[in-house]
N, C-alpha and C. Protein backbone atom coordinates (compact mmCIF):
# COMPACT_ATOMS: atom_id res chain seq x y z
N MET A 1 0.83 -1.19 0.00
CA MET A 1 0.00 0.00 0.00
C MET A 1 0.87 1.25 0.00
N LYS A 2 0.57 2.17 -0.89
CA LYS A 2 1.28 3.45 -0.93
C LYS A 2 0.51 4.45 -0.08
N LYS A 3 1.26 5.20 0.73
CA LYS A 3 0.66 6.29 1.51
C LYS A 3 0.80 7.57 0.70
N ILE A 4 -0.34 8.20 0.46
CA ILE A 4 -0.36 9.42 -0.34
C ILE A 4 -0.90 10.56 0.51
N PRO A 5 -0.07 11.58 0.76
CA PRO A 5 -0.54 12.71 1.56
C PRO A 5 -1.32 13.71 0.70
N PHE A 6 -2.27 14.36 1.33
CA PHE A 6 -2.99 15.45 0.67
C PHE A 6 -3.32 16.50 1.71
N PHE A 7 -3.53 17.73 1.24
CA PHE A 7 -3.85 18.81 2.16
C PHE A 7 -5.31 18.74 2.56
N GLN A 8 -5.53 18.59 3.84
CA GLN A 8 -6.87 18.62 4.40
C GLN A 8 -7.35 20.07 4.45
N ASP A 9 -6.41 20.96 4.73
CA ASP A 9 -6.70 22.38 4.79
C ASP A 9 -5.65 23.11 3.96
N PRO A 10 -5.89 23.25 2.65
CA PRO A 10 -4.89 23.88 1.78
C PRO A 10 -4.57 25.33 2.15
N ASN A 11 -5.46 25.99 2.86
CA ASN A 11 -5.21 27.38 3.26
C ASN A 11 -4.25 27.48 4.43
N ALA A 12 -3.90 26.37 5.04
CA ALA A 12 -3.00 26.39 6.19
C ALA A 12 -1.54 26.53 5.78
N VAL A 13 -1.26 26.37 4.50
CA VAL A 13 0.10 26.53 4.00
C VAL A 13 0.08 27.60 2.93
N THR A 14 0.85 28.65 3.16
CA THR A 14 0.87 29.78 2.24
C THR A 14 2.29 30.02 1.76
N LYS A 15 2.43 30.24 0.46
CA LYS A 15 3.74 30.55 -0.10
C LYS A 15 3.93 32.06 -0.07
N VAL A 16 5.03 32.48 0.52
CA VAL A 16 5.39 33.90 0.58
C VAL A 16 6.78 34.02 -0.03
N GLY A 17 6.84 34.56 -1.23
CA GLY A 17 8.12 34.60 -1.94
C GLY A 17 8.57 33.19 -2.26
N ASP A 18 9.75 32.82 -1.80
CA ASP A 18 10.28 31.47 -2.01
C ASP A 18 10.08 30.57 -0.80
N GLU A 19 9.37 31.06 0.21
CA GLU A 19 9.21 30.29 1.44
C GLU A 19 7.74 29.96 1.69
N PHE A 20 7.54 28.95 2.53
CA PHE A 20 6.19 28.55 2.93
C PHE A 20 5.98 28.89 4.39
N VAL A 21 4.79 29.37 4.72
CA VAL A 21 4.40 29.66 6.08
C VAL A 21 3.28 28.69 6.44
N ILE A 22 3.39 28.05 7.60
CA ILE A 22 2.35 27.14 8.08
C ILE A 22 1.48 27.88 9.08
N LEU A 23 0.18 27.85 8.83
CA LEU A 23 -0.80 28.52 9.69
C LEU A 23 -1.80 27.48 10.17
N PRO A 24 -1.54 26.80 11.29
CA PRO A 24 -2.47 25.79 11.77
C PRO A 24 -3.83 26.39 12.14
N LYS A 25 -4.87 25.54 12.13
CA LYS A 25 -6.23 26.00 12.46
C LYS A 25 -6.27 26.69 13.81
N ALA A 26 -5.64 26.07 14.79
CA ALA A 26 -5.62 26.63 16.15
C ALA A 26 -4.17 26.90 16.52
N VAL A 27 -3.86 28.14 16.77
CA VAL A 27 -2.51 28.48 17.20
C VAL A 27 -2.48 28.40 18.72
N ASN A 28 -1.64 27.51 19.23
CA ASN A 28 -1.49 27.34 20.67
C ASN A 28 -0.06 26.91 20.97
N GLU A 29 0.19 26.43 22.17
CA GLU A 29 1.56 26.06 22.55
C GLU A 29 2.13 24.97 21.64
N LYS A 30 1.28 24.03 21.23
CA LYS A 30 1.75 22.92 20.38
C LYS A 30 1.79 23.34 18.91
N ASN A 31 0.77 24.01 18.44
CA ASN A 31 0.66 24.39 17.04
C ASN A 31 0.99 25.86 16.87
N LYS A 32 2.13 26.12 16.30
CA LYS A 32 2.57 27.50 16.16
C LYS A 32 2.71 27.85 14.68
N VAL A 33 2.56 29.11 14.38
CA VAL A 33 2.83 29.60 13.04
C VAL A 33 4.32 29.49 12.82
N GLY A 34 4.73 29.10 11.62
CA GLY A 34 6.16 29.00 11.41
C GLY A 34 6.55 28.94 9.95
N LEU A 35 7.78 29.32 9.70
CA LEU A 35 8.39 29.15 8.39
C LEU A 35 9.00 27.76 8.33
N VAL A 36 9.04 27.19 7.17
CA VAL A 36 9.64 25.86 7.03
C VAL A 36 10.98 25.97 6.31
N ASN A 37 11.84 24.98 6.55
CA ASN A 37 13.14 24.99 5.90
C ASN A 37 13.03 24.54 4.44
N GLU A 38 14.14 24.52 3.76
CA GLU A 38 14.15 24.21 2.32
C GLU A 38 13.62 22.81 2.01
N THR A 39 14.01 21.84 2.82
CA THR A 39 13.55 20.47 2.59
C THR A 39 12.05 20.36 2.82
N ALA A 40 11.55 20.97 3.88
CA ALA A 40 10.12 20.95 4.15
C ALA A 40 9.35 21.64 3.03
N ALA A 41 9.87 22.74 2.53
CA ALA A 41 9.23 23.44 1.41
C ALA A 41 9.21 22.55 0.17
N PHE A 42 10.27 21.80 -0.04
CA PHE A 42 10.35 20.87 -1.17
C PHE A 42 9.25 19.81 -1.04
N ILE A 43 9.08 19.29 0.18
CA ILE A 43 8.04 18.27 0.42
C ILE A 43 6.66 18.88 0.22
N ILE A 44 6.41 20.06 0.78
CA ILE A 44 5.11 20.71 0.63
C ILE A 44 4.77 20.89 -0.84
N GLY A 45 5.76 21.26 -1.63
CA GLY A 45 5.53 21.47 -3.05
C GLY A 45 5.14 20.22 -3.82
N ARG A 46 5.31 19.06 -3.19
CA ARG A 46 4.98 17.80 -3.85
C ARG A 46 3.76 17.10 -3.25
N ILE A 47 3.18 17.68 -2.23
CA ILE A 47 1.96 17.13 -1.65
C ILE A 47 0.80 17.59 -2.52
N ASP A 48 0.28 16.66 -3.30
CA ASP A 48 -0.78 17.03 -4.25
C ASP A 48 -1.92 16.01 -4.31
N GLY A 49 -1.88 15.02 -3.41
CA GLY A 49 -2.92 13.99 -3.43
C GLY A 49 -2.65 12.90 -4.45
N HIS A 50 -1.52 13.02 -5.17
CA HIS A 50 -1.15 12.01 -6.16
C HIS A 50 0.22 11.40 -5.87
N ASN A 51 1.16 12.21 -5.38
CA ASN A 51 2.51 11.71 -5.08
C ASN A 51 2.51 10.94 -3.78
N SER A 52 3.05 9.73 -3.83
CA SER A 52 3.18 8.92 -2.62
C SER A 52 4.40 9.40 -1.84
N THR A 53 4.51 8.94 -0.60
CA THR A 53 5.67 9.31 0.21
C THR A 53 6.95 8.78 -0.45
N GLU A 54 6.86 7.63 -1.12
CA GLU A 54 8.04 7.08 -1.81
C GLU A 54 8.44 7.97 -2.99
N GLU A 55 7.46 8.48 -3.72
CA GLU A 55 7.75 9.35 -4.86
C GLU A 55 8.36 10.67 -4.38
N ILE A 56 7.85 11.20 -3.28
CA ILE A 56 8.41 12.42 -2.73
C ILE A 56 9.84 12.17 -2.26
N ALA A 57 10.07 11.04 -1.60
CA ALA A 57 11.42 10.70 -1.12
C ALA A 57 12.37 10.54 -2.30
N ASN A 58 11.93 9.92 -3.38
CA ASN A 58 12.78 9.77 -4.57
C ASN A 58 13.13 11.14 -5.16
N ALA A 59 12.19 12.07 -5.15
CA ALA A 59 12.46 13.42 -5.65
C ALA A 59 13.50 14.11 -4.77
N ILE A 60 13.42 13.89 -3.45
CA ILE A 60 14.42 14.45 -2.53
C ILE A 60 15.80 13.87 -2.85
N CYS A 61 15.84 12.56 -3.08
CA CYS A 61 17.11 11.90 -3.41
C CYS A 61 17.75 12.53 -4.65
N SER A 62 16.94 12.78 -5.65
CA SER A 62 17.45 13.37 -6.90
C SER A 62 17.92 14.81 -6.69
N ALA A 63 17.17 15.57 -5.92
CA ALA A 63 17.49 16.99 -5.74
C ALA A 63 18.64 17.23 -4.77
N TYR A 64 18.75 16.39 -3.73
CA TYR A 64 19.71 16.67 -2.66
C TYR A 64 20.79 15.61 -2.50
N ASP A 65 20.81 14.60 -3.34
CA ASP A 65 21.84 13.57 -3.29
C ASP A 65 21.95 12.93 -1.90
N VAL A 66 20.81 12.44 -1.39
CA VAL A 66 20.79 11.69 -0.13
C VAL A 66 20.23 10.31 -0.41
N ASP A 67 20.44 9.38 0.52
CA ASP A 67 19.93 8.03 0.29
C ASP A 67 18.42 7.97 0.56
N PHE A 68 17.80 6.97 -0.03
CA PHE A 68 16.34 6.85 0.00
C PHE A 68 15.80 6.73 1.42
N ASP A 69 16.42 5.89 2.25
CA ASP A 69 15.89 5.67 3.60
C ASP A 69 15.86 6.97 4.41
N LYS A 70 16.91 7.76 4.32
CA LYS A 70 16.95 9.05 5.02
C LYS A 70 15.88 9.99 4.47
N ALA A 71 15.77 10.07 3.16
CA ALA A 71 14.78 10.93 2.53
C ALA A 71 13.36 10.50 2.89
N HIS A 72 13.11 9.21 2.93
CA HIS A 72 11.78 8.71 3.27
C HIS A 72 11.46 8.99 4.73
N ASP A 73 12.44 8.79 5.61
CA ASP A 73 12.23 9.10 7.04
C ASP A 73 11.88 10.57 7.25
N VAL A 74 12.60 11.45 6.58
CA VAL A 74 12.33 12.90 6.70
C VAL A 74 10.94 13.22 6.16
N THR A 75 10.59 12.61 5.02
CA THR A 75 9.28 12.85 4.41
C THR A 75 8.16 12.42 5.35
N ILE A 76 8.24 11.21 5.87
CA ILE A 76 7.21 10.68 6.77
C ILE A 76 7.13 11.53 8.03
N SER A 77 8.27 11.88 8.60
CA SER A 77 8.29 12.67 9.83
C SER A 77 7.62 14.02 9.64
N PHE A 78 7.97 14.72 8.57
CA PHE A 78 7.40 16.05 8.34
C PHE A 78 5.90 15.97 8.04
N ILE A 79 5.50 15.05 7.19
CA ILE A 79 4.07 14.93 6.85
C ILE A 79 3.26 14.50 8.07
N THR A 80 3.84 13.68 8.93
CA THR A 80 3.17 13.29 10.17
C THR A 80 2.93 14.51 11.05
N GLN A 81 3.89 15.43 11.10
CA GLN A 81 3.67 16.67 11.85
C GLN A 81 2.52 17.47 11.26
N LEU A 82 2.48 17.56 9.93
CA LEU A 82 1.37 18.27 9.28
C LEU A 82 0.04 17.60 9.59
N PHE A 83 0.04 16.27 9.65
CA PHE A 83 -1.16 15.51 10.00
C PHE A 83 -1.60 15.86 11.43
N GLU A 84 -0.65 15.90 12.34
CA GLU A 84 -0.96 16.21 13.74
C GLU A 84 -1.52 17.62 13.89
N TYR A 85 -1.13 18.54 13.02
CA TYR A 85 -1.63 19.92 13.04
C TYR A 85 -2.97 20.05 12.32
N GLY A 86 -3.46 18.95 11.72
CA GLY A 86 -4.73 19.00 10.99
C GLY A 86 -4.62 19.62 9.61
N ILE A 87 -3.40 19.69 9.09
CA ILE A 87 -3.17 20.31 7.79
C ILE A 87 -3.19 19.27 6.67
N CYS A 88 -2.66 18.11 6.96
CA CYS A 88 -2.56 17.03 5.97
C CYS A 88 -3.33 15.81 6.44
N SER A 89 -3.67 14.98 5.48
CA SER A 89 -4.25 13.68 5.80
C SER A 89 -3.61 12.67 4.84
N TRP A 90 -3.94 11.39 5.03
CA TRP A 90 -3.37 10.32 4.23
C TRP A 90 -4.48 9.57 3.50
N LYS A 91 -4.17 9.10 2.33
CA LYS A 91 -4.99 8.09 1.69
C LYS A 91 -4.05 6.98 1.26
N GLU A 92 -4.60 5.79 1.15
CA GLU A 92 -3.74 4.65 0.77
C GLU A 92 -4.24 4.07 -0.53
N GLU A 93 -3.29 3.73 -1.39
CA GLU A 93 -3.58 3.09 -2.67
C GLU A 93 -2.66 1.90 -2.82
N SER A 94 -3.16 0.90 -3.52
CA SER A 94 -2.31 -0.28 -3.75
C SER A 94 -1.61 -0.19 -5.08
């Protein structure tokens, strides 16, 4: 099964210039407004409801010359944070 992330709340991520700003539904101690780093912005740019986590990780490997396992771990970790903030959700396809 492929895990495919999609934006549950597309308005929670805003591009400002070359950077992305995350605006969670509820701003509190756990969920804060923030800028994301270059790798996170790269991942956000590929969350479209079609790219699987493996496809996003492969794109990271090509762009940043890192191994797949590291890229996949970073991808899953970041998207899981977006899920916890209510910004992203998952669908599974075989």
